[in-house]
Amino acid sequence: MVKVDFATGKIRWILCTHDHWQEPFRPLLLEPAGKPFEWPWRQHAPAVDYEIDQEAMELILEDTDDQSYQGYRVYRFHRMSLYPPNLQIQ
């Protein structure tokens, strides 16, 4: 997931694992902070629950994971606090 500043066309942050990213994108990756963090893998339907200030926000998204349980696909919902000025996520 990527946040783009539509006024400038620049990428503000990237929500993704840090594997295989190179410059100039590596500094834009959000850093997990706090408890063990579980990355979403097939995220979709993002929604901002509320904004904490101009930059920080609560993000809710659905994750259709590749895992299955007894033949059923696993759907997860993630609720994350994003603090882009420090590029942190909880």
Protein backbone atom coordinates (compact mmCIF):
# COMPACT_ATOMS: atom_id res chain seq x y z
CA MET A 1 0.00 0.00 0.00
CA VAL A 2 1.38 3.40 -0.97
CA LYS A 3 0.36 6.93 0.03
CA VAL A 4 0.89 9.46 -2.75
CA ASP A 5 0.81 13.23 -2.36
CA PHE A 6 -1.36 14.15 -5.32
CA ALA A 7 -0.23 17.79 -5.25
CA THR A 8 3.42 16.86 -5.81
CA GLY A 9 3.14 13.33 -7.22
CA LYS A 10 5.63 12.11 -4.62
CA ILE A 11 5.31 8.94 -2.56
CA ARG A 12 4.84 9.77 1.15
CA TRP A 13 5.11 6.24 2.61
CA ILE A 14 4.93 2.54 1.74
CA LEU A 15 3.22 -0.12 3.87
CA CYS A 16 5.01 -3.35 2.98
CA THR A 17 7.61 -5.79 4.24
CA HIS A 18 11.14 -4.49 3.85
CA ASP A 19 12.32 -7.42 1.72
CA HIS A 20 13.83 -6.62 -1.69
CA TRP A 21 13.32 -2.82 -1.60
CA GLN A 22 16.14 -0.62 -2.83
CA GLU A 23 16.84 3.11 -3.03
CA PRO A 24 15.07 5.47 -3.45
CA PHE A 25 12.11 3.60 -1.90
CA ARG A 26 13.73 2.04 1.18
CA PRO A 27 13.56 5.24 3.30
CA LEU A 28 9.80 5.46 2.61
CA LEU A 29 8.97 2.09 4.18
CA LEU A 30 6.96 2.27 7.39
CA GLU A 31 8.75 0.80 10.43
CA PRO A 32 6.85 -1.45 12.85
CA ALA A 33 6.86 -0.09 16.40
CA GLY A 34 5.71 -1.69 19.64
CA LYS A 35 4.24 -5.19 19.80
CA PRO A 36 5.08 -7.87 17.22
CA PHE A 37 3.72 -6.68 13.90
CA GLU A 38 1.95 -8.86 11.36
CA TRP A 39 2.25 -7.53 7.82
CA PRO A 40 -0.80 -7.63 5.56
CA TRP A 41 -0.13 -9.61 2.35
CA ARG A 42 -3.11 -9.07 0.06
CA GLN A 43 -4.55 -5.92 1.51
CA HIS A 44 -7.53 -4.16 0.03
CA ALA A 45 -10.51 -1.98 0.98
CA PRO A 46 -8.46 0.48 3.09
CA ALA A 47 -10.38 3.00 5.18
CA VAL A 48 -9.17 5.81 7.42
CA ASP A 49 -11.04 5.47 10.70
CA TYR A 50 -10.00 8.87 12.03
CA GLU A 51 -7.12 11.22 11.71
CA ILE A 52 -5.04 11.87 14.81
CA ASP A 53 -3.51 15.00 13.29
CA GLN A 54 -2.43 16.16 9.81
CA GLU A 55 -0.24 13.09 9.26
CA ALA A 56 -1.10 10.35 11.75
CA MET A 57 -4.18 8.17 11.23
CA GLU A 58 -5.90 4.93 12.10
CA LEU A 59 -6.11 2.65 9.08
CA ILE A 60 -8.40 -0.36 8.70
CA LEU A 61 -7.91 -2.79 5.84
CA GLU A 62 -8.98 -6.24 4.79
CA ASP A 63 -6.33 -8.86 4.12
CA THR A 64 -7.04 -11.91 1.98
CA ASP A 65 -4.13 -14.03 3.14
CA ASP A 66 -2.71 -16.97 1.19
CA GLN A 67 -3.32 -19.21 4.18
CA SER A 68 -6.36 -21.42 4.47
CA TYR A 69 -8.10 -23.19 7.32
CA GLN A 70 -9.85 -26.50 6.59
CA GLY A 71 -10.12 -25.57 2.93
CA TYR A 72 -11.49 -22.06 3.55
CA ARG A 73 -9.56 -18.92 2.66
CA VAL A 74 -8.57 -16.81 5.67
CA TYR A 75 -9.77 -13.20 5.75
CA ARG A 76 -8.25 -10.88 8.31
CA PHE A 77 -8.89 -7.31 9.27
CA HIS A 78 -6.03 -5.10 10.37
CA ARG A 79 -6.39 -1.93 12.42
CA MET A 80 -3.17 0.06 12.41
CA SER A 81 -1.98 3.34 13.81
CA LEU A 82 0.21 5.11 11.27
CA TYR A 83 2.67 7.81 12.28
CA PRO A 84 4.20 8.82 8.93
CA PRO A 85 6.25 11.79 10.16
CA ASN A 86 8.44 9.17 11.90
CA LEU A 87 7.50 6.48 9.36
CA GLN A 88 6.20 4.19 12.12
CA ILE A 89 3.24 1.84 12.24
CA GLN A 90 1.67 -0.05 15.16
